[in-house]
Protein backbone atom coordinates (compact mmCIF):
# COMPACT_ATOMS: atom_id res chain seq x y z
CA UNK A 1 0.00 0.00 0.00
CA UNK A 2 2.81 2.38 0.92
CA UNK A 3 4.69 1.63 -2.33
CA UNK A 4 1.54 2.18 -4.38
CA UNK A 5 0.94 5.50 -2.66
CA UNK A 6 4.55 6.57 -3.27
CA UNK A 7 4.25 5.59 -6.91
CA UNK A 8 1.09 7.65 -7.29
CA UNK A 9 2.76 10.65 -5.66
CA UNK A 10 5.73 10.32 -8.02
CA UNK A 11 3.44 10.11 -11.06
CA UNK A 12 1.48 13.10 -9.77
CA UNK A 13 4.68 15.11 -9.40
CA UNK A 14 5.82 14.15 -12.92
CA UNK A 15 2.42 15.12 -14.35
CA UNK A 16 2.40 18.51 -12.63
CA UNK A 17 6.01 19.12 -13.67
CA UNK A 18 5.11 18.42 -17.31
CA UNK A 19 2.10 20.73 -16.95
CA UNK A 20 4.32 23.51 -15.60
CA UNK A 21 6.81 23.08 -18.45
CA UNK A 22 3.95 23.38 -20.96
CA UNK A 23 2.70 26.53 -19.20
CA UNK A 24 6.16 28.06 -19.49
CA UNK A 25 6.38 27.12 -23.16
CA UNK A 26 3.06 28.83 -23.90
CA UNK A 27 4.68 32.15 -22.97
CA UNK A 28 7.18 31.69 -25.80
CA UNK A 29 4.43 30.64 -28.23
CA UNK A 30 2.34 33.66 -27.22
CA UNK A 31 5.25 35.98 -27.98
CA UNK A 32 5.77 34.30 -31.35
CA UNK A 33 2.09 34.86 -32.12
CA UNK A 34 2.44 38.55 -31.26
CA UNK A 35 5.47 38.85 -33.53
CA UNK A 36 3.57 37.19 -36.38
CA UNK A 37 0.54 39.44 -35.89
CA UNK A 38 2.76 42.49 -35.85
CA UNK A 39 4.44 41.45 -39.11
CA UNK A 40 1.20 42.28 -40.93
CA UNK A 41 2.14 45.97 -40.70
CA UNK A 42 4.82 47.69 -42.75
CA UNK A 43 8.18 47.80 -41.00
CA UNK A 44 7.95 51.53 -40.25
CA UNK A 45 4.49 51.08 -38.70
CA UNK A 46 5.26 47.99 -36.61
CA UNK A 47 6.02 49.87 -33.36
CA UNK A 48 2.54 51.45 -33.54
CA UNK A 49 0.90 48.19 -34.56
CA UNK A 50 2.57 46.43 -31.62
CA UNK A 51 0.65 48.71 -29.26
CA UNK A 52 -2.66 47.73 -30.88
CA UNK A 53 -1.77 44.04 -30.64
CA UNK A 54 -0.86 44.34 -26.98
CA UNK A 55 -4.17 46.10 -26.22
CA UNK A 56 -6.25 43.47 -28.03
CA UNK A 57 -4.30 40.64 -26.38
CA UNK A 58 -4.88 42.04 -22.90
CA UNK A 59 -8.59 42.55 -23.61
CA UNK A 60 -8.97 38.98 -24.92
CA UNK A 61 -7.13 37.65 -21.88
CA UNK A 62 -9.47 39.58 -19.58
CA UNK A 63 -12.52 38.21 -21.38
CA UNK A 64 -11.14 34.70 -20.95
CA UNK A 65 -11.13 35.19 -17.18
CA UNK A 66 -14.74 36.41 -16.96
CA UNK A 67 -16.33 32.94 -16.54
CA UNK A 68 -14.08 32.05 -13.57
CA UNK A 69 -14.61 35.51 -12.08
CA UNK A 70 -18.40 35.29 -12.31
CA UNK A 71 -18.71 31.69 -11.12
CA UNK A 72 -16.63 32.21 -7.99
CA UNK A 73 -18.62 32.52 -4.78
CA UNK A 74 -15.93 34.44 -2.92
CA UNK A 75 -17.26 37.72 -1.49
CA UNK A 76 -16.25 41.05 -3.02
CA UNK A 77 -15.51 44.15 -1.00
CA UNK A 78 -14.33 47.65 -1.79
CA UNK A 79 -10.54 47.76 -2.37
CA UNK A 80 -8.78 48.87 0.79
CA UNK A 81 -5.89 50.40 -1.17
CA UNK A 82 -6.74 52.69 -4.10
CA UNK A 83 -3.42 51.96 -5.79
CA UNK A 84 -4.30 48.26 -6.08
CA UNK A 85 -6.69 49.21 -8.90
CA UNK A 86 -3.86 50.62 -11.02
CA UNK A 87 -2.08 47.36 -11.77
CA UNK A 88 -3.26 47.43 -15.37
CA UNK A 89 -1.36 50.66 -15.98
CA UNK A 90 1.95 48.99 -15.12
CA UNK A 91 1.84 46.84 -18.25
CA UNK A 92 1.10 49.64 -20.75
CA UNK A 93 4.74 49.74 -22.00
CA UNK A 94 4.70 45.97 -22.62
CA UNK A 95 4.19 46.45 -26.37
CA UNK A 96 7.94 47.08 -26.71
CA UNK A 97 8.50 43.34 -26.21
CA UNK A 98 7.03 42.55 -29.64
CA UNK A 99 9.48 44.58 -31.78
CA UNK A 100 12.25 43.52 -29.40
CA UNK A 101 11.39 39.87 -30.03
CA UNK A 102 11.44 40.45 -33.78
CA UNK A 103 14.87 42.05 -33.70
CA UNK A 104 16.62 40.24 -30.84
CA UNK A 105 14.94 36.87 -30.52
CA UNK A 106 12.57 35.63 -27.84
CA UNK A 107 15.11 34.47 -25.27
CA UNK A 108 16.88 37.82 -24.93
CA UNK A 109 13.49 39.43 -24.31
CA UNK A 110 12.59 36.88 -21.63
CA UNK A 111 15.94 37.30 -19.89
CA UNK A 112 15.74 41.11 -19.95
CA UNK A 113 12.24 40.91 -18.44
CA UNK A 114 13.41 38.46 -15.80
CA UNK A 115 16.26 40.76 -14.79
CA UNK A 116 13.86 43.70 -14.59
CA UNK A 117 11.46 41.74 -12.38
CA UNK A 118 14.19 40.52 -10.05
CA UNK A 119 15.61 44.05 -9.82
CA UNK A 120 12.24 45.43 -8.76
CA UNK A 121 11.71 42.53 -6.34
CA UNK A 122 15.13 43.24 -4.82
CA UNK A 123 14.19 46.88 -4.26
CA UNK A 124 10.80 45.92 -2.78
CA UNK A 125 12.33 43.44 -0.35
CA UNK A 126 15.12 45.79 0.71
CA UNK A 127 12.62 48.56 1.33
CA UNK A 128 10.36 46.34 3.41
CA UNK A 129 13.24 44.78 5.31
CA UNK A 130 12.39 41.22 4.22
CA UNK A 131 15.78 40.97 2.52
CA UNK A 132 18.70 41.08 4.93
CA UNK A 133 22.21 42.13 4.01
CA UNK A 134 23.50 38.89 5.54
CA UNK A 135 21.62 36.89 2.89
CA UNK A 136 24.57 37.11 0.54
CA UNK A 137 23.42 34.10 -1.48
CA UNK A 138 20.45 36.08 -2.77
CA UNK A 139 22.61 39.02 -3.82
CA UNK A 140 24.99 36.53 -5.40
CA UNK A 141 22.09 34.92 -7.24
CA UNK A 142 21.00 38.29 -8.59
CA UNK A 143 24.58 38.91 -9.72
CA UNK A 144 24.66 35.58 -11.55
CA UNK A 145 21.43 36.42 -13.39
CA UNK A 146 22.80 39.85 -14.34
CA UNK A 147 26.05 38.25 -15.53
CA UNK A 148 24.16 35.66 -17.58
CA UNK A 149 21.99 38.32 -19.24
CA UNK A 150 25.08 40.43 -19.99
CA UNK A 151 26.89 37.48 -21.57
CA UNK A 152 23.80 36.64 -23.62
CA UNK A 153 23.53 40.18 -24.98
CA UNK A 154 27.23 40.60 -25.68
CA UNK A 155 27.44 37.19 -27.30
CA UNK A 156 24.35 37.72 -29.45
CA UNK A 157 25.50 41.19 -30.50
CA UNK A 158 28.96 39.99 -31.51
CA UNK A 159 27.71 36.90 -33.37
CA UNK A 160 24.94 38.64 -35.27
CA UNK A 161 25.73 40.58 -38.41
CA UNK A 162 22.15 41.66 -39.02
CA UNK A 163 19.95 44.23 -37.37
CA UNK A 164 20.73 47.44 -35.53
CA UNK A 165 22.72 46.82 -32.29
CA UNK A 166 21.94 50.30 -30.94
CA UNK A 167 18.21 49.86 -31.54
CA UNK A 168 18.38 46.40 -30.00
CA UNK A 169 19.89 47.83 -26.81
CA UNK A 170 17.20 50.53 -26.64
CA UNK A 171 14.43 47.96 -27.08
CA UNK A 172 15.93 45.61 -24.49
CA UNK A 173 16.25 48.50 -22.05
CA UNK A 174 12.53 49.10 -22.59
CA UNK A 175 11.87 45.38 -21.97
CA UNK A 176 13.87 45.63 -18.72
CA UNK A 177 11.58 48.47 -17.61
CA UNK A 178 8.50 46.37 -18.46
CA UNK A 179 9.89 43.61 -16.24
CA UNK A 180 9.92 46.05 -13.33
CA UNK A 181 6.40 47.06 -14.29
CA UNK A 182 5.24 43.45 -14.08
CA UNK A 183 6.71 43.13 -10.59
CA UNK A 184 4.86 46.29 -9.56
CA UNK A 185 1.70 44.95 -11.19
CA UNK A 186 2.07 41.73 -9.20
CA UNK A 187 2.17 43.80 -6.02
CA UNK A 188 -1.01 45.67 -7.00
CA UNK A 189 -2.84 42.55 -8.15
CA UNK A 190 -1.90 40.64 -5.03
CA UNK A 191 -3.42 43.35 -2.85
CA UNK A 192 -6.53 43.64 -5.07
CA UNK A 193 -7.15 39.88 -5.11
CA UNK A 194 -7.62 39.88 -1.36
CA UNK A 195 -10.38 42.48 -1.66
CA UNK A 196 -12.25 41.19 -4.71
CA UNK A 197 -12.04 37.56 -3.61
CA UNK A 198 -10.07 35.79 -6.35
CA UNK A 199 -7.00 36.17 -8.53
CA UNK A 200 -9.18 35.76 -11.63
CA UNK A 201 -11.25 38.81 -10.73
CA UNK A 202 -8.19 40.91 -9.91
CA UNK A 203 -6.52 39.98 -13.19
CA UNK A 204 -9.71 40.69 -15.16
CA UNK A 205 -9.91 44.11 -13.50
CA UNK A 206 -6.29 44.70 -14.49
CA UNK A 207 -7.20 43.92 -18.09
CA UNK A 208 -10.18 46.30 -17.95
CA UNK A 209 -8.05 49.15 -16.53
CA UNK A 210 -5.35 48.51 -19.13
CA UNK A 211 -7.91 48.52 -21.96
CA UNK A 212 -9.63 51.72 -20.81
CA UNK A 213 -6.28 53.48 -20.45
CA UNK A 214 -5.16 52.28 -23.89
CA UNK A 215 -8.21 53.41 -25.85
CA UNK A 216 -7.33 57.16 -25.87
CA UNK A 217 -3.78 56.30 -26.93
CA UNK A 218 -5.11 54.05 -29.68
CA UNK A 219 -7.33 56.90 -30.89
CA UNK A 220 -4.38 59.31 -31.05
CA UNK A 221 -2.22 56.81 -32.94
CA UNK A 222 -4.99 55.88 -35.37
CA UNK A 223 -6.52 59.26 -36.21
CA UNK A 224 -4.16 61.98 -35.01
CA UNK A 225 -1.01 60.27 -36.26
CA UNK A 226 -2.69 58.44 -39.13
CA UNK A 227 -1.34 55.00 -38.16
CA UNK A 228 -4.31 52.58 -38.27
CA UNK A 229 -3.91 48.96 -37.11
CA UNK A 230 -2.91 46.30 -39.63
CA UNK A 231 -5.10 43.30 -38.86
CA UNK A 232 -6.21 40.30 -40.90
CA UNK A 233 -9.09 37.85 -40.49
CA UNK A 234 -6.71 35.10 -41.55
CA UNK A 235 -4.99 35.44 -38.18
CA UNK A 236 -7.99 34.36 -36.09
CA UNK A 237 -6.22 31.14 -34.87
CA UNK A 238 -3.38 33.28 -33.48
CA UNK A 239 -5.81 35.62 -31.72
CA UNK A 240 -7.70 32.61 -30.35
CA UNK A 241 -4.49 31.22 -28.86
CA UNK A 242 -3.51 34.59 -27.41
CA UNK A 243 -6.81 34.82 -25.55
CA UNK A 244 -6.72 31.18 -24.46
CA UNK A 245 -3.12 31.37 -23.27
CA UNK A 246 -3.78 34.19 -20.84
CA UNK A 247 -6.65 32.33 -19.15
CA UNK A 248 -4.72 29.03 -19.23
CA UNK A 249 -1.64 30.64 -17.69
CA UNK A 250 -3.49 32.38 -14.88
CA UNK A 251 -5.65 29.34 -14.12
CA UNK A 252 -2.62 27.03 -14.07
CA UNK A 253 -0.71 29.25 -11.68
CA UNK A 254 -3.67 29.12 -9.32
CA UNK A 255 -3.10 25.36 -8.88
CA UNK A 256 0.54 24.47 -9.55
CA UNK A 257 2.29 26.09 -6.55
CA UNK A 258 0.05 24.24 -4.07
CA UNK A 259 1.41 20.96 -5.43
CA UNK A 260 4.99 21.76 -6.43
CA UNK A 261 5.73 24.63 -4.06
CA UNK A 262 6.45 28.21 -5.09
CA UNK A 263 10.19 27.88 -5.68
CA UNK A 264 9.92 24.59 -7.59
CA UNK A 265 7.08 25.95 -9.74
CA UNK A 266 9.11 29.11 -10.37
CA UNK A 267 12.15 27.20 -11.60
CA UNK A 268 10.25 24.62 -13.66
CA UNK A 269 8.27 27.42 -15.30
CA UNK A 270 11.51 29.24 -16.10
CA UNK A 271 13.02 26.08 -17.59
CA UNK A 272 9.96 25.74 -19.82
CA UNK A 273 10.36 29.30 -21.04
CA UNK A 274 14.08 29.13 -21.64
CA UNK A 275 14.00 25.71 -23.33
CA UNK A 276 11.18 26.73 -25.67
CA UNK A 277 12.73 30.14 -26.43
CA UNK A 278 16.09 28.50 -27.14
CA UNK A 279 14.44 26.21 -29.69
CA UNK A 280 12.43 29.07 -31.17
CA UNK A 281 15.52 31.24 -31.64
CA UNK A 282 17.57 28.37 -33.06
CA UNK A 283 14.86 27.78 -35.69
CA UNK A 284 14.53 31.52 -36.41
CA UNK A 285 10.74 31.49 -35.93
CA UNK A 286 10.56 35.24 -35.28
CA UNK A 287 12.86 36.11 -38.18
CA UNK A 288 16.02 36.35 -36.06
CA UNK A 289 18.05 33.13 -35.92
CA UNK A 290 20.23 32.71 -32.84
CA UNK A 291 22.20 29.44 -32.83
CA UNK A 292 22.64 27.44 -29.64
CA UNK A 293 26.37 27.64 -28.88
CA UNK A 294 28.46 27.13 -25.75
CA UNK A 295 28.15 30.81 -24.79
CA UNK A 296 24.35 30.68 -24.78
CA UNK A 297 24.46 27.43 -22.78
CA UNK A 298 26.72 29.15 -20.22
CA UNK A 299 24.25 32.02 -20.02
CA UNK A 300 21.34 29.63 -19.35
CA UNK A 301 23.27 27.83 -16.60
CA UNK A 302 24.13 31.15 -14.92
CA UNK A 303 20.55 32.40 -15.11
CA UNK A 304 19.04 29.20 -13.70
CA UNK A 305 21.63 28.96 -10.93
CA UNK A 306 21.25 32.64 -10.08
CA UNK A 307 17.47 32.48 -10.04
CA UNK A 308 17.58 29.43 -7.75
CA UNK A 309 19.80 31.26 -5.26
CA UNK A 310 17.73 34.44 -5.50
CA UNK A 311 14.50 32.55 -4.79
CA UNK A 312 15.87 30.57 -1.87
CA UNK A 313 15.20 32.13 1.50
CA UNK A 314 17.58 29.89 3.41
CA UNK A 315 16.82 26.74 5.42
CA UNK A 316 15.94 28.61 8.60
CA UNK A 317 13.83 31.36 7.04
CA UNK A 318 11.90 29.51 4.36
CA UNK A 319 9.13 28.09 6.61
CA UNK A 320 8.50 31.45 8.28
CA UNK A 321 8.28 33.29 4.97
CA UNK A 322 6.00 30.62 3.51
CA UNK A 323 3.56 31.32 6.31
CA UNK A 324 3.81 35.08 6.41
CA UNK A 325 4.10 35.83 2.70
CA UNK A 326 6.52 38.55 3.74
CA UNK A 327 8.99 38.36 0.84
CA UNK A 328 8.15 39.58 -2.64
CA UNK A 329 11.16 38.10 -4.43
CA UNK A 330 11.08 34.70 -2.74
CA UNK A 331 7.83 33.84 -4.50
CA UNK A 332 7.96 36.01 -7.62
CA UNK A 333 8.11 33.46 -10.34
CA UNK A 334 7.84 34.78 -13.85
CA UNK A 335 7.93 37.19 -16.86
CA UNK A 336 4.97 38.90 -18.10
CA UNK A 337 2.66 37.13 -15.67
CA UNK A 338 4.04 36.04 -12.31
CA UNK A 339 2.80 34.98 -8.95
CA UNK A 340 3.71 36.58 -5.70
CA UNK A 341 3.02 36.13 -2.02
CA UNK A 342 0.36 38.34 -0.55
CA UNK A 343 1.86 40.92 1.75
CA UNK A 344 0.20 41.44 5.11
CA UNK A 345 -1.85 44.54 5.85
CA UNK A 346 -0.77 46.84 8.64
CA UNK A 347 -3.97 46.06 10.48
CA UNK A 348 -3.32 42.33 10.13
CA UNK A 349 0.33 42.40 11.10
CA UNK A 350 1.20 39.66 13.51
CA UNK A 351 -1.42 37.34 12.08
CA UNK A 352 -0.77 34.64 9.55
CA UNK A 353 -1.30 35.89 5.98
CA UNK A 354 -2.56 33.66 3.23
CA UNK A 355 -0.66 33.13 0.01
CA UNK A 356 -2.36 33.90 -3.24
CA UNK A 357 -1.25 33.24 -6.77
CA UNK A 358 -1.41 36.39 -8.83
CA UNK A 359 -1.48 36.48 -12.61
CA UNK A 360 0.20 39.41 -14.26
CA UNK A 361 -0.27 40.63 -17.79
CA UNK A 362 1.99 39.19 -20.46
CA UNK A 363 3.80 40.86 -23.25
């Protein structure tokens, strides 16, 4: 009986691990879809068209979350923090990821976003005091990630004879900023989810806020600047996947950490992203072919090792943080969405806080 139970647990772990890898891979596929949709526009108009595509993608993702939001029986109350409603604004610059993916490849975009998210998480944790200076392994992990991203960019720039290196650096800098925006959005969404009852509702509200804020900008681009969107009915399968992926991602992250644990889910999700983006870049799916050489392999090893160290709270502190949800970076798990521990309210300080999984908008 004990052996049968152990075998079932092992199979369950393998199944959830495979599920997490697939979830990570869908992020890469979603970015490839965005790049394809953006290619419908002329090259000079693609930066404007990328903004339209991002807006439509966010709106479709929000619509995909409506059924779960409506069916939930969790009570809804007025948000206790007004800023928690502004999470959707944090992802407005995310459109820069689409032209960056076209020019630089998917993996460089994912790594730049990851570095931006970890940088913001580092600042949040230092400010709140949940990151101690004696936790040198976490600073070392951040350094390894930064080193890996630097090697990736220097190696890709030196090996590529096509494109505009200066433009690539500008776009990747914008992607880095969007990574910080996603971390800030996770903070807002985490707080909002506790008031509106579920992560699905909070993420749908994010999508609504993002859409409403984008409409005036869309109007200016379309009519004032004379840059209408370039869309095609032939692309309906890509739009269908974009909408499905957002709901699938958020729904999956509501279940996976409870089985695998936050850190394990974080790392498996990251492996899924990096493995799929490596394959995508090697095949040149987005138009930029980046071969898998020893330098890129070194970069991946550094990033994975650094992220593991950065996410680890130490053997003595991990149980306490798992209960309190006090660290942002210890449970921040992804690019353009992520999940993050709920931080305790001032009025609830000293009581045990619950952990929630928070979906954040994707690029």
